[in-house]
């Protein structure tokens, strides 16, 4: 496991990489879709929604309470592709009428909140496995690692797709 500082630093870098990607996509957002089904706005809505879960967990840890999850979240992470598809469909319904600009602003706000809460939680609170009942045996840092990996995964899908579009 990486140190908490390394993970937070990596999240800051990922945030900057996304900001650069979004700036590059500003002129032609259609060229920055993830695939034939997910537009850039869909991806940002998806990430924004999952950031709500991350933030709920971080705030809960800070307050030493249970997380207050958003209404669309079933309370536990989906364990099957079918459950995940249902959750992603609910997210899509929430954001489908939002503009890319609205969604981008909310995504930036959520990401910034996560980065602001992290220094309020000690290294021990982040690192101790099983400390929070609602995380099972996982340490809180796994929540940060999850959001980092999730952002990397979607950024790489977009940049890989963008590269394929240019090569055509």
C-alpha atoms as a PDB file:
ATOM      1  CA  UNK A   1       0.000   0.000   0.000  1.00  0.00           C
ATOM      2  CA  UNK A   2       1.234   3.482  -0.865  1.00  0.00           C
ATOM      3  CA  UNK A   3       1.522   6.173   1.745  1.00  0.00           C
ATOM      4  CA  UNK A   4      -1.503   8.396   2.150  1.00  0.00           C
ATOM      5  CA  UNK A   5       0.579  11.396   1.082  1.00  0.00           C
ATOM      6  CA  UNK A   6       1.547   9.602  -2.151  1.00  0.00           C
ATOM      7  CA  UNK A   7      -2.072   8.768  -2.906  1.00  0.00           C
ATOM      8  CA  UNK A   8      -3.253  12.331  -2.216  1.00  0.00           C
ATOM      9  CA  UNK A   9      -0.396  13.708  -4.335  1.00  0.00           C
ATOM     10  CA  UNK A  10      -1.406  11.311  -7.124  1.00  0.00           C
ATOM     11  CA  UNK A  11      -5.010  12.518  -6.826  1.00  0.00           C
ATOM     12  CA  UNK A  12      -3.828  16.122  -7.199  1.00  0.00           C
ATOM     13  CA  UNK A  13      -1.887  15.159 -10.314  1.00  0.00           C
ATOM     14  CA  UNK A  14      -4.884  13.260 -11.702  1.00  0.00           C
ATOM     15  CA  UNK A  15      -7.065  16.327 -11.115  1.00  0.00           C
ATOM     16  CA  UNK A  16      -4.598  18.454 -13.112  1.00  0.00           C
ATOM     17  CA  UNK A  17      -4.448  15.842 -15.893  1.00  0.00           C
ATOM     18  CA  UNK A  18      -8.240  15.879 -16.123  1.00  0.00           C
ATOM     19  CA  UNK A  19      -8.309  19.673 -16.163  1.00  0.00           C
ATOM     20  CA  UNK A  20      -5.830  19.602 -19.057  1.00  0.00           C
ATOM     21  CA  UNK A  21      -7.863  16.969 -20.872  1.00  0.00           C
ATOM     22  CA  UNK A  22     -11.048  19.004 -20.433  1.00  0.00           C
ATOM     23  CA  UNK A  23      -9.312  22.124 -21.692  1.00  0.00           C
ATOM     24  CA  UNK A  24      -8.135  20.222 -24.779  1.00  0.00           C
ATOM     25  CA  UNK A  25     -11.641  18.855 -25.292  1.00  0.00           C
ATOM     26  CA  UNK A  26     -13.319  22.243 -24.973  1.00  0.00           C
ATOM     27  CA  UNK A  27     -13.397  22.888 -28.721  1.00  0.00           C
ATOM     28  CA  UNK A  28     -14.600  19.429 -29.784  1.00  0.00           C
ATOM     29  CA  UNK A  29     -16.125  17.527 -26.847  1.00  0.00           C
ATOM     30  CA  UNK A  30     -17.502  14.901 -29.257  1.00  0.00           C
ATOM     31  CA  UNK A  31     -13.915  13.915 -30.032  1.00  0.00           C
ATOM     32  CA  UNK A  32     -13.413  13.218 -26.327  1.00  0.00           C
ATOM     33  CA  UNK A  33     -16.139  10.681 -25.798  1.00  0.00           C
ATOM     34  CA  UNK A  34     -15.217   7.484 -24.021  1.00  0.00           C
ATOM     35  CA  UNK A  35     -16.860   5.266 -26.610  1.00  0.00           C
ATOM     36  CA  UNK A  36     -19.879   5.203 -28.882  1.00  0.00           C
ATOM     37  CA  UNK A  37     -22.257   5.302 -25.907  1.00  0.00           C
ATOM     38  CA  UNK A  38     -20.619   7.525 -23.275  1.00  0.00           C
ATOM     39  CA  UNK A  39     -20.126  11.192 -24.108  1.00  0.00           C
ATOM     40  CA  UNK A  40     -17.655  13.340 -22.194  1.00  0.00           C
ATOM     41  CA  UNK A  41     -20.591  14.712 -20.205  1.00  0.00           C
ATOM     42  CA  UNK A  42     -21.709  11.156 -19.355  1.00  0.00           C
ATOM     43  CA  UNK A  43     -18.234  10.280 -18.095  1.00  0.00           C
ATOM     44  CA  UNK A  44     -17.990  13.416 -15.949  1.00  0.00           C
ATOM     45  CA  UNK A  45     -21.476  12.789 -14.537  1.00  0.00           C
ATOM     46  CA  UNK A  46     -20.473   9.219 -13.705  1.00  0.00           C
ATOM     47  CA  UNK A  47     -17.254  10.318 -11.993  1.00  0.00           C
ATOM     48  CA  UNK A  48     -19.016  13.163 -10.181  1.00  0.00           C
ATOM     49  CA  UNK A  49     -21.593  10.770  -8.782  1.00  0.00           C
ATOM     50  CA  UNK A  50     -18.997   8.330  -7.525  1.00  0.00           C
ATOM     51  CA  UNK A  51     -17.096  11.257  -5.993  1.00  0.00           C
ATOM     52  CA  UNK A  52     -20.217  11.838  -3.881  1.00  0.00           C
ATOM     53  CA  UNK A  53     -19.705   8.368  -2.416  1.00  0.00           C
ATOM     54  CA  UNK A  54     -16.000   9.034  -1.838  1.00  0.00           C
ATOM     55  CA  UNK A  55     -16.754  12.327  -0.149  1.00  0.00           C
ATOM     56  CA  UNK A  56     -19.500  10.771   2.002  1.00  0.00           C
ATOM     57  CA  UNK A  57     -16.995   8.204   3.246  1.00  0.00           C
ATOM     58  CA  UNK A  58     -14.275  10.778   3.935  1.00  0.00           C
ATOM     59  CA  UNK A  59     -16.661  13.065   5.819  1.00  0.00           C
ATOM     60  CA  UNK A  60     -18.002  10.100   7.785  1.00  0.00           C
ATOM     61  CA  UNK A  61     -14.463   9.151   8.777  1.00  0.00           C
ATOM     62  CA  UNK A  62     -13.701  12.725   9.783  1.00  0.00           C
ATOM     63  CA  UNK A  63     -16.852  12.903  11.927  1.00  0.00           C
ATOM     64  CA  UNK A  64     -16.517   9.287  13.118  1.00  0.00           C
ATOM     65  CA  UNK A  65     -20.048   8.530  11.908  1.00  0.00           C
ATOM     66  CA  UNK A  66     -21.650   6.375   9.264  1.00  0.00           C
ATOM     67  CA  UNK A  67     -21.638   7.794   5.719  1.00  0.00           C
ATOM     68  CA  UNK A  68     -24.624   9.705   4.370  1.00  0.00           C
ATOM     69  CA  UNK A  69     -24.721   8.339   0.842  1.00  0.00           C
ATOM     70  CA  UNK A  70     -26.531  10.021  -2.053  1.00  0.00           C
ATOM     71  CA  UNK A  71     -30.046   8.742  -2.810  1.00  0.00           C
ATOM     72  CA  UNK A  72     -28.970   6.913  -5.986  1.00  0.00           C
ATOM     73  CA  UNK A  73     -26.384   4.808  -4.118  1.00  0.00           C
ATOM     74  CA  UNK A  74     -27.688   1.428  -2.905  1.00  0.00           C
ATOM     75  CA  UNK A  75     -25.652   1.589   0.319  1.00  0.00           C
ATOM     76  CA  UNK A  76     -23.058  -0.975  -0.700  1.00  0.00           C
ATOM     77  CA  UNK A  77     -20.860  -1.099  -3.751  1.00  0.00           C
ATOM     78  CA  UNK A  78     -22.429  -3.079  -6.578  1.00  0.00           C
ATOM     79  CA  UNK A  79     -21.030  -6.597  -6.693  1.00  0.00           C
ATOM     80  CA  UNK A  80     -22.228  -7.688 -10.120  1.00  0.00           C
ATOM     81  CA  UNK A  81     -22.174  -6.161 -13.582  1.00  0.00           C
ATOM     82  CA  UNK A  82     -25.976  -6.097 -13.519  1.00  0.00           C
ATOM     83  CA  UNK A  83     -26.028  -4.123 -10.259  1.00  0.00           C
ATOM     84  CA  UNK A  84     -23.374  -1.760 -11.589  1.00  0.00           C
ATOM     85  CA  UNK A  85     -25.358  -1.245 -14.789  1.00  0.00           C
ATOM     86  CA  UNK A  86     -28.438  -0.357 -12.701  1.00  0.00           C
ATOM     87  CA  UNK A  87     -26.468   2.156 -10.637  1.00  0.00           C
ATOM     88  CA  UNK A  88     -24.924   3.695 -13.758  1.00  0.00           C
ATOM     89  CA  UNK A  89     -28.382   3.926 -15.348  1.00  0.00           C
ATOM     90  CA  UNK A  90     -29.644   5.804 -12.272  1.00  0.00           C
ATOM     91  CA  UNK A  91     -26.695   8.191 -12.521  1.00  0.00           C
ATOM     92  CA  UNK A  92     -27.405   8.752 -16.203  1.00  0.00           C
ATOM     93  CA  UNK A  93     -31.041   9.623 -15.433  1.00  0.00           C
ATOM     94  CA  UNK A  94     -29.951  12.214 -12.871  1.00  0.00           C
ATOM     95  CA  UNK A  95     -27.523  13.987 -15.222  1.00  0.00           C
ATOM     96  CA  UNK A  96     -28.956  13.408 -18.693  1.00  0.00           C
ATOM     97  CA  UNK A  97     -30.408  16.926 -18.959  1.00  0.00           C
ATOM     98  CA  UNK A  98     -27.367  18.707 -17.519  1.00  0.00           C
ATOM     99  CA  UNK A  99     -24.976  20.537 -19.781  1.00  0.00           C
ATOM    100  CA  UNK A 100     -21.333  19.583 -20.075  1.00  0.00           C
ATOM    101  CA  UNK A 101     -20.405  22.883 -18.411  1.00  0.00           C
ATOM    102  CA  UNK A 102     -22.733  22.275 -15.437  1.00  0.00           C
ATOM    103  CA  UNK A 103     -21.423  18.756 -14.991  1.00  0.00           C
ATOM    104  CA  UNK A 104     -17.791  19.875 -15.325  1.00  0.00           C
ATOM    105  CA  UNK A 105     -18.295  22.512 -12.610  1.00  0.00           C
ATOM    106  CA  UNK A 106     -19.847  19.974 -10.261  1.00  0.00           C
ATOM    107  CA  UNK A 107     -17.065  17.467 -10.994  1.00  0.00           C
ATOM    108  CA  UNK A 108     -14.411  20.105 -10.213  1.00  0.00           C
ATOM    109  CA  UNK A 109     -16.238  21.092  -7.039  1.00  0.00           C
ATOM    110  CA  UNK A 110     -16.504  17.486  -5.804  1.00  0.00           C
ATOM    111  CA  UNK A 111     -12.882  16.715  -6.618  1.00  0.00           C
ATOM    112  CA  UNK A 112     -11.763  19.885  -4.815  1.00  0.00           C
ATOM    113  CA  UNK A 113     -13.836  18.948  -1.758  1.00  0.00           C
ATOM    114  CA  UNK A 114     -12.171  15.540  -1.614  1.00  0.00           C
ATOM    115  CA  UNK A 115      -8.742  17.165  -1.743  1.00  0.00           C
ATOM    116  CA  UNK A 116      -9.757  19.638   0.988  1.00  0.00           C
ATOM    117  CA  UNK A 117     -11.037  16.943   3.369  1.00  0.00           C
ATOM    118  CA  UNK A 118      -7.980  14.678   3.072  1.00  0.00           C
ATOM    119  CA  UNK A 119      -5.638  16.794   5.249  1.00  0.00           C
ATOM    120  CA  UNK A 120      -8.266  16.782   8.016  1.00  0.00           C
ATOM    121  CA  UNK A 121      -7.884  13.018   8.445  1.00  0.00           C
ATOM    122  CA  UNK A 122      -4.784  11.547  10.056  1.00  0.00           C
ATOM    123  CA  UNK A 123      -2.464   9.039   8.454  1.00  0.00           C
ATOM    124  CA  UNK A 124      -3.511   6.514  11.112  1.00  0.00           C
ATOM    125  CA  UNK A 125      -7.218   7.034  10.358  1.00  0.00           C
ATOM    126  CA  UNK A 126      -6.503   6.478   6.678  1.00  0.00           C
ATOM    127  CA  UNK A 127      -4.242   3.478   7.157  1.00  0.00           C
ATOM    128  CA  UNK A 128      -5.872   1.299   9.813  1.00  0.00           C
ATOM    129  CA  UNK A 129      -7.709  -1.661   8.232  1.00  0.00           C
ATOM    130  CA  UNK A 130     -11.126  -2.330   9.722  1.00  0.00           C
ATOM    131  CA  UNK A 131     -11.307   1.006  11.521  1.00  0.00           C
ATOM    132  CA  UNK A 132     -14.651   1.855   9.906  1.00  0.00           C
ATOM    133  CA  UNK A 133     -17.364  -0.807  10.052  1.00  0.00           C
ATOM    134  CA  UNK A 134     -18.877   0.459   6.783  1.00  0.00           C
ATOM    135  CA  UNK A 135     -15.606  -0.328   4.959  1.00  0.00           C
ATOM    136  CA  UNK A 136     -15.246  -3.866   6.248  1.00  0.00           C
ATOM    137  CA  UNK A 137     -11.580  -4.766   6.531  1.00  0.00           C
ATOM    138  CA  UNK A 138     -10.431  -2.083   4.083  1.00  0.00           C
ATOM    139  CA  UNK A 139      -8.476   0.951   5.278  1.00  0.00           C
ATOM    140  CA  UNK A 140      -9.871   4.380   4.390  1.00  0.00           C
ATOM    141  CA  UNK A 141      -6.985   5.017   2.004  1.00  0.00           C
ATOM    142  CA  UNK A 142      -8.553   2.352  -0.247  1.00  0.00           C
ATOM    143  CA  UNK A 143     -11.365   4.850  -0.902  1.00  0.00           C
ATOM    144  CA  UNK A 144      -8.808   7.345  -2.260  1.00  0.00           C
ATOM    145  CA  UNK A 145      -7.056   4.627  -4.249  1.00  0.00           C
ATOM    146  CA  UNK A 146     -10.415   3.642  -5.710  1.00  0.00           C
ATOM    147  CA  UNK A 147     -11.294   7.147  -6.868  1.00  0.00           C
ATOM    148  CA  UNK A 148      -7.797   7.601  -8.270  1.00  0.00           C
ATOM    149  CA  UNK A 149      -7.996   4.343 -10.224  1.00  0.00           C
ATOM    150  CA  UNK A 150     -11.508   5.164 -11.409  1.00  0.00           C
ATOM    151  CA  UNK A 151     -10.414   8.533 -12.796  1.00  0.00           C
ATOM    152  CA  UNK A 152      -7.337   7.026 -14.439  1.00  0.00           C
ATOM    153  CA  UNK A 153      -9.407   4.284 -16.044  1.00  0.00           C
ATOM    154  CA  UNK A 154     -11.875   6.721 -17.619  1.00  0.00           C
ATOM    155  CA  UNK A 155      -9.170   9.229 -18.633  1.00  0.00           C
ATOM    156  CA  UNK A 156      -7.229   6.487 -20.384  1.00  0.00           C
ATOM    157  CA  UNK A 157     -10.386   5.318 -22.172  1.00  0.00           C
ATOM    158  CA  UNK A 158     -10.978   8.863 -23.411  1.00  0.00           C
ATOM    159  CA  UNK A 159      -7.393   9.569 -24.423  1.00  0.00           C
ATOM    160  CA  UNK A 160      -7.087   6.153 -26.069  1.00  0.00           C
ATOM    161  CA  UNK A 161     -10.330   6.756 -27.942  1.00  0.00           C
ATOM    162  CA  UNK A 162      -9.193  10.237 -28.936  1.00  0.00           C
ATOM    163  CA  UNK A 163      -5.953   8.817 -30.297  1.00  0.00           C
ATOM    164  CA  UNK A 164      -7.860   6.195 -32.294  1.00  0.00           C
ATOM    165  CA  UNK A 165     -10.089   8.905 -33.753  1.00  0.00           C
ATOM    166  CA  UNK A 166      -7.097  10.943 -34.875  1.00  0.00           C
ATOM    167  CA  UNK A 167      -5.376   7.933 -36.429  1.00  0.00           C
ATOM    168  CA  UNK A 168      -8.359   7.112 -38.657  1.00  0.00           C
END
